Amino acid sequence: MNEIALNYEEKDIIDYGGLPVKCLLYVCEPGEQPFPLHWHRRMELLHIYEGTLELTISGQPITARAGDTVCIHPRCPHVAFAGEEGVRYRVLMFETSLLAEELLPYLAPLRALTAGSLRLHTCIRDEGVSREINALTDAYYTDTPSPTLVLGQLFRLVGLLAQDFCDESYAGHPADRRLWSVIDYIENNYTSPLSTAQLAAQFHYEEAYLCRRFRQQTGLTVLAYCHALRLSRARQLLEQTDQSISRIGAQCGYDTASYFIRKFSEQCGMTPARWRRLHGEKGKGQSPLTLTAPYREDAHG
């Protein structure tokens, strides 16, 4: 993650329909935002069919064009806008941890992907990858898709990526279970006052080392991470409730309405009131991912 990636972890439960992968097709008009800033614990592959998609992934800007496949790793915040000609692209969602459990003895690359010690190239242009994505899509979109066949195609795709498109320049960090405990604690207590000194003492870190490792892992400072969670919750409340701005700010951990409005405007590009006017009615009862996709081909719920 990086400083501009101030959004929330997507908490939506993906309905895989009994299959090991979720396939969606997005069609967006020029300049349209298919999804807001967010991150999640699953893996996603975005394959561009037409047009361009302007993405920011963990703070790195990327322009993906027709034929490109974009790799989005777990816990990497990302946002995108359609290019000047619009865009049509496929999204493949899957859980690397579940895949690894299926064939554990043979899947060291998947375990490395899950642990974060291996990374794929972010944007890939390769006919073989395109063919495997199309084959997986064909297996997925049948009247009675076979989970075994879909899983086999997914293994073929991920196997090809792990074999030929690993990012050798990526210097992964050893697993740090304590750090994930810190992150989980923040996610469950972000509306309360938090400090790096308190967290370091609670989780037995030296404070400077905690700050350094936290930023290495997330791209954010602890304070920025807290703001990310607070503002994401604020957006949900603005879209789905009629509570006052000051009440929402207080619920999200901001002492004063003026400070809440300032932080919200800095990170979201508009005031909370304007966000509510633009997103409030259509946001009620829906997830942010659902709101911004103008078209989704979803044959399985």
Protein backbone atom coordinates (compact mmCIF):
# COMPACT_ATOMS: atom_id res chain seq x y z
CA MET A 1 0.00 0.00 0.00
CA ASN A 2 1.07 3.59 -0.31
CA GLU A 3 0.07 7.01 0.96
CA ILE A 4 -2.56 7.62 -1.72
CA ALA A 5 -4.12 4.21 -1.13
CA LEU A 6 -6.28 5.38 1.74
CA ASN A 7 -9.20 3.05 1.42
CA TYR A 8 -10.53 0.06 3.20
CA GLU A 9 -10.17 -3.64 3.04
CA GLU A 10 -13.01 -5.00 0.97
CA LYS A 11 -15.12 -7.06 3.34
CA ASP A 12 -17.54 -8.36 0.71
CA ILE A 13 -17.91 -12.15 0.70
CA ILE A 14 -17.35 -13.38 -2.83
CA ASP A 15 -19.89 -15.96 -3.96
CA TYR A 16 -17.84 -18.41 -5.98
CA GLY A 17 -20.89 -20.52 -6.77
CA GLY A 18 -19.08 -23.73 -5.80
CA LEU A 19 -16.24 -22.99 -8.23
CA PRO A 20 -12.60 -22.16 -7.42
CA VAL A 21 -12.68 -18.85 -9.32
CA LYS A 22 -15.03 -15.92 -9.92
CA CYS A 23 -15.17 -14.42 -13.43
CA LEU A 24 -16.57 -10.96 -14.12
CA LEU A 25 -16.62 -8.83 -17.26
CA TYR A 26 -16.47 -5.04 -16.90
CA VAL A 27 -17.29 -2.50 -19.60
CA CYS A 28 -16.59 1.15 -18.69
CA GLU A 29 -17.02 4.46 -20.45
CA PRO A 30 -14.03 6.81 -20.87
CA GLY A 31 -12.92 8.17 -17.50
CA GLU A 32 -15.28 5.94 -15.55
CA GLN A 33 -14.08 4.36 -12.31
CA PRO A 34 -14.84 0.62 -12.27
CA PHE A 35 -13.93 0.26 -8.61
CA PRO A 36 -12.86 2.53 -5.74
CA LEU A 37 -9.61 2.32 -3.85
CA HIS A 38 -9.66 -0.96 -1.95
CA TRP A 39 -7.67 -4.05 -1.10
CA HIS A 40 -8.50 -7.64 -0.27
CA ARG A 41 -6.96 -10.92 0.73
CA ARG A 42 -7.59 -12.78 -2.53
CA MET A 43 -5.66 -12.73 -5.81
CA GLU A 44 -7.06 -10.98 -8.88
CA LEU A 45 -6.06 -11.03 -12.54
CA LEU A 46 -7.39 -8.33 -14.85
CA HIS A 47 -7.21 -9.11 -18.58
CA ILE A 48 -7.77 -6.21 -20.96
CA TYR A 49 -9.74 -6.95 -24.14
CA GLU A 50 -10.32 -3.44 -25.51
CA GLY A 51 -9.23 0.09 -24.64
CA THR A 52 -7.00 1.04 -21.73
CA LEU A 53 -7.24 0.89 -17.95
CA GLU A 54 -5.29 3.39 -15.84
CA LEU A 55 -4.46 1.77 -12.51
CA THR A 56 -2.61 2.65 -9.36
CA ILE A 57 -1.46 -0.47 -7.49
CA SER A 58 0.35 0.01 -4.19
CA GLY A 59 1.12 3.56 -5.29
CA GLN A 60 2.55 2.58 -8.69
CA PRO A 61 0.76 3.97 -11.78
CA ILE A 62 0.19 1.46 -14.59
CA THR A 63 -1.45 1.78 -18.01
CA ALA A 64 -2.85 -1.59 -19.11
CA ARG A 65 -3.77 -1.98 -22.79
CA ALA A 66 -5.57 -4.59 -24.88
CA GLY A 67 -3.79 -7.92 -24.45
CA ASP A 68 -2.27 -7.05 -21.06
CA THR A 69 -2.90 -9.02 -17.89
CA VAL A 70 -2.62 -7.13 -14.61
CA CYS A 71 -1.71 -9.09 -11.46
CA ILE A 72 -3.14 -7.76 -8.19
CA HIS A 73 -1.74 -9.50 -5.13
CA PRO A 74 -3.41 -9.93 -1.74
CA ARG A 75 -3.29 -6.83 0.48
CA CYS A 76 -2.25 -4.55 -2.39
CA PRO A 77 -4.52 -1.47 -2.58
CA HIS A 78 -5.62 -0.57 -6.09
CA VAL A 79 -7.86 1.81 -7.97
CA ALA A 80 -8.57 2.23 -11.68
CA PHE A 81 -10.11 4.52 -14.27
CA ALA A 82 -11.05 3.74 -17.83
CA GLY A 83 -8.81 5.38 -20.43
CA GLU A 84 -9.80 7.83 -23.17
CA GLU A 85 -11.38 5.09 -25.29
CA GLY A 86 -13.11 3.30 -22.42
CA VAL A 87 -12.22 -0.26 -21.52
CA ARG A 88 -13.54 -3.81 -21.59
CA TYR A 89 -11.76 -6.24 -19.32
CA ARG A 90 -12.14 -9.54 -17.49
CA VAL A 91 -11.54 -10.03 -13.76
CA LEU A 92 -10.58 -13.43 -12.35
CA MET A 93 -10.80 -13.69 -8.54
CA PHE A 94 -9.45 -16.65 -6.58
CA GLU A 95 -8.03 -17.60 -3.19
CA THR A 96 -4.40 -18.71 -3.40
CA SER A 97 -4.57 -20.30 0.05
CA LEU A 98 -7.44 -22.57 -1.00
CA LEU A 99 -5.66 -23.54 -4.19
CA ALA A 100 -2.52 -24.39 -2.27
CA GLU A 101 -4.45 -26.75 -0.01
CA GLU A 102 -5.66 -28.79 -2.98
CA LEU A 103 -2.23 -29.96 -4.13
CA LEU A 104 -0.01 -28.96 -1.25
CA PRO A 105 3.04 -31.11 -2.08
CA TYR A 106 3.36 -29.63 -5.58
CA LEU A 107 2.58 -25.99 -5.04
CA ALA A 108 5.52 -24.21 -3.46
CA PRO A 109 4.94 -21.16 -5.75
CA LEU A 110 1.36 -20.84 -4.53
CA ARG A 111 2.47 -21.03 -0.92
CA ALA A 112 5.02 -18.33 -1.68
CA LEU A 113 2.32 -16.17 -3.30
CA THR A 114 0.11 -16.61 -0.25
CA ALA A 115 2.96 -15.75 2.13
CA GLY A 116 3.94 -12.72 0.08
CA SER A 117 7.50 -13.88 -0.58
CA LEU A 118 6.91 -14.25 -4.34
CA ARG A 119 5.47 -11.67 -6.70
CA LEU A 120 4.42 -11.86 -10.32
CA HIS A 121 5.14 -9.10 -12.80
CA THR A 122 2.41 -6.52 -12.42
CA CYS A 123 1.51 -6.16 -16.10
CA ILE A 124 2.03 -9.04 -18.52
CA ARG A 125 1.62 -9.14 -22.29
CA ASP A 126 1.79 -12.75 -23.44
CA GLU A 127 -0.28 -14.77 -25.89
CA GLY A 128 0.01 -17.88 -23.73
CA VAL A 129 -1.46 -16.09 -20.73
CA SER A 130 -4.25 -14.71 -22.91
CA ARG A 131 -5.06 -18.22 -24.17
CA GLU A 132 -5.18 -19.64 -20.65
CA ILE A 133 -7.48 -16.84 -19.47
CA ASN A 134 -9.80 -17.47 -22.41
CA ALA A 135 -9.77 -21.21 -21.72
CA LEU A 136 -10.63 -20.60 -18.09
CA THR A 137 -13.41 -18.23 -19.11
CA ASP A 138 -14.84 -20.84 -21.51
CA ALA A 139 -14.84 -23.46 -18.75
CA TYR A 140 -16.47 -21.01 -16.35
CA TYR A 141 -19.28 -19.82 -18.63
CA THR A 142 -21.07 -23.05 -19.44
CA ASP A 143 -24.59 -24.09 -18.46
CA THR A 144 -23.24 -26.56 -15.90
CA PRO A 145 -19.62 -25.63 -15.12
CA SER A 146 -17.47 -28.41 -13.74
CA PRO A 147 -15.54 -27.34 -10.62
CA THR A 148 -12.86 -29.89 -11.48
CA LEU A 149 -12.41 -28.52 -15.00
CA VAL A 150 -12.42 -24.91 -13.80
CA LEU A 151 -9.89 -25.76 -11.08
CA GLY A 152 -7.67 -27.48 -13.63
CA GLN A 153 -7.74 -24.45 -15.93
CA LEU A 154 -6.98 -22.18 -12.99
CA PHE A 155 -3.98 -24.31 -12.05
CA ARG A 156 -2.75 -24.12 -15.66
CA LEU A 157 -3.00 -20.32 -15.62
CA VAL A 158 -1.38 -19.83 -12.21
CA GLY A 159 1.27 -22.41 -13.01
CA LEU A 160 2.22 -20.56 -16.20
CA LEU A 161 2.41 -17.26 -14.35
CA ALA A 162 4.51 -18.69 -11.52
CA GLN A 163 6.84 -20.45 -13.97
CA ASP A 164 7.50 -17.67 -16.45
CA PHE A 165 6.48 -14.35 -14.91
CA CYS A 166 7.95 -14.13 -11.41
CA ASP A 167 9.35 -10.73 -10.53
CA GLU A 168 12.95 -11.56 -9.64
CA SER A 169 13.57 -8.01 -8.46
CA TYR A 170 11.00 -8.31 -5.68
CA ALA A 171 12.66 -8.64 -2.29
CA GLY A 172 10.08 -10.30 -0.12
CA HIS A 173 10.20 -10.01 3.64
CA PRO A 174 10.08 -13.05 5.92
CA ALA A 175 6.69 -13.87 7.37
CA ASP A 176 6.04 -11.80 10.46
CA ARG A 177 3.03 -13.15 12.32
CA ARG A 178 3.29 -10.45 14.96
CA LEU A 179 2.97 -7.78 12.29
CA TRP A 180 -0.24 -9.31 10.97
CA SER A 181 -1.46 -9.36 14.55
CA VAL A 182 -0.76 -5.62 14.73
CA ILE A 183 -2.64 -5.05 11.48
CA ASP A 184 -5.58 -7.15 12.65
CA TYR A 185 -5.66 -5.24 15.94
CA ILE A 186 -5.74 -1.91 14.13
CA GLU A 187 -8.54 -3.14 11.86
CA ASN A 188 -10.61 -4.03 14.92
CA ASN A 189 -9.81 -0.87 16.92
CA TYR A 190 -9.27 1.91 14.37
CA THR A 191 -11.94 4.16 15.86
CA SER A 192 -10.01 4.31 19.14
CA PRO A 193 -6.90 6.45 19.75
CA LEU A 194 -3.85 4.43 18.64
CA SER A 195 -0.15 5.24 18.75
CA THR A 196 2.94 3.44 17.52
CA ALA A 197 4.35 3.53 21.05
CA GLN A 198 1.27 1.76 22.40
CA LEU A 199 1.29 -0.84 19.61
CA ALA A 200 5.02 -1.46 19.94
CA ALA A 201 4.67 -2.10 23.66
CA GLN A 202 1.60 -4.27 23.26
CA PHE A 203 3.13 -6.48 20.55
CA HIS A 204 6.71 -6.46 21.87
CA TYR A 205 8.35 -4.42 19.12
CA GLU A 206 10.95 -1.70 19.20
CA GLU A 207 8.92 1.31 18.03
CA ALA A 208 11.18 2.41 15.15
CA TYR A 209 11.38 -1.16 13.85
CA LEU A 210 7.60 -1.53 14.00
CA CYS A 211 7.14 1.68 12.02
CA ARG A 212 9.64 0.53 9.40
CA ARG A 213 8.21 -2.99 9.03
CA PHE A 214 4.63 -1.71 8.99
CA ARG A 215 5.43 0.62 6.13
CA GLN A 216 7.37 -2.07 4.28
CA GLN A 217 4.38 -4.38 4.49
CA THR A 218 1.55 -1.93 3.80
CA GLY A 219 3.16 1.12 2.20
CA LEU A 220 1.41 3.23 4.85
CA THR A 221 2.27 4.68 8.20
CA VAL A 222 0.20 3.45 11.14
CA LEU A 223 -1.66 6.77 11.25
CA ALA A 224 -2.37 6.70 7.52
CA TYR A 225 -3.63 3.14 7.83
CA CYS A 226 -6.01 4.21 10.60
CA HIS A 227 -7.28 7.06 8.42
CA ALA A 228 -7.79 4.58 5.58
CA LEU A 229 -10.05 2.43 7.71
CA ARG A 230 -11.87 5.36 9.28
CA LEU A 231 -12.61 7.07 5.98
CA SER A 232 -13.77 3.88 4.35
CA ARG A 233 -16.24 3.34 7.18
CA ALA A 234 -17.30 6.97 6.87
CA ARG A 235 -18.05 6.48 3.17
CA GLN A 236 -20.20 3.47 3.97
CA LEU A 237 -22.16 5.39 6.60
CA LEU A 238 -22.61 8.38 4.30
CA GLU A 239 -23.95 6.11 1.56
CA GLN A 240 -26.13 3.87 3.67
CA THR A 241 -27.46 6.01 6.56
CA ASP A 242 -28.99 9.42 7.19
CA GLN A 243 -26.81 10.18 10.21
CA SER A 244 -25.36 13.67 10.54
CA ILE A 245 -21.84 14.42 9.32
CA SER A 246 -20.63 15.12 12.84
CA ARG A 247 -22.09 11.88 14.18
CA ILE A 248 -20.47 9.85 11.42
CA GLY A 249 -17.14 11.53 12.08
CA ALA A 250 -17.39 10.71 15.78
CA GLN A 251 -18.30 7.09 15.07
CA CYS A 252 -15.25 6.80 12.82
CA GLY A 253 -12.82 8.08 15.42
CA TYR A 254 -12.60 11.82 14.67
CA ASP A 255 -12.85 14.14 17.66
CA THR A 256 -14.29 17.09 15.77
CA ALA A 257 -16.47 17.47 12.68
CA SER A 258 -14.07 20.02 11.18
CA TYR A 259 -11.12 17.61 11.39
CA PHE A 260 -13.22 14.81 9.90
CA ILE A 261 -14.34 17.02 7.00
CA ARG A 262 -10.77 18.15 6.34
CA LYS A 263 -9.35 14.61 6.29
CA PHE A 264 -12.23 13.32 4.19
CA SER A 265 -11.83 16.12 1.65
CA GLU A 266 -8.06 15.59 1.44
CA GLN A 267 -8.34 11.90 0.66
CA CYS A 268 -11.65 11.66 -1.22
CA GLY A 269 -11.46 14.87 -3.22
CA MET A 270 -14.79 16.21 -1.96
CA THR A 271 -16.62 16.98 1.26
CA PRO A 272 -18.65 14.30 3.07
CA ALA A 273 -21.85 16.14 2.17
CA ARG A 274 -21.03 16.10 -1.53
CA TRP A 275 -20.06 12.42 -1.35
CA ARG A 276 -23.45 11.67 0.18
CA ARG A 277 -25.26 13.62 -2.55
CA LEU A 278 -23.42 11.72 -5.26
CA HIS A 279 -23.46 8.25 -3.72
CA GLY A 280 -26.04 8.19 -0.94
CA GLU A 281 -29.17 6.97 -2.65
CA LYS A 282 -27.56 4.43 -4.94
CA GLY A 283 -25.22 3.32 -2.18
CA LYS A 284 -27.89 2.08 0.21
CA GLY A 285 -27.70 -1.64 0.60
CA GLN A 286 -24.97 -2.14 -1.97
CA SER A 287 -21.23 -2.59 -1.84
CA PRO A 288 -18.89 0.03 -3.36
CA LEU A 289 -17.67 -2.50 -5.91
CA THR A 290 -21.20 -2.97 -7.18
CA LEU A 291 -21.82 0.74 -7.56
CA THR A 292 -19.05 1.65 -9.93
CA ALA A 293 -19.17 -1.16 -12.49
CA PRO A 294 -21.51 -0.14 -15.33
CA TYR A 295 -21.76 -3.70 -16.60
CA ARG A 296 -20.82 -7.03 -15.14
CA GLU A 297 -21.24 -10.37 -16.83
CA ASP A 298 -21.92 -12.68 -13.94
CA ALA A 299 -23.47 -16.00 -14.79
CA HIS A 300 -23.18 -17.39 -11.28
CA GLY A 301 -24.77 -14.91 -8.93
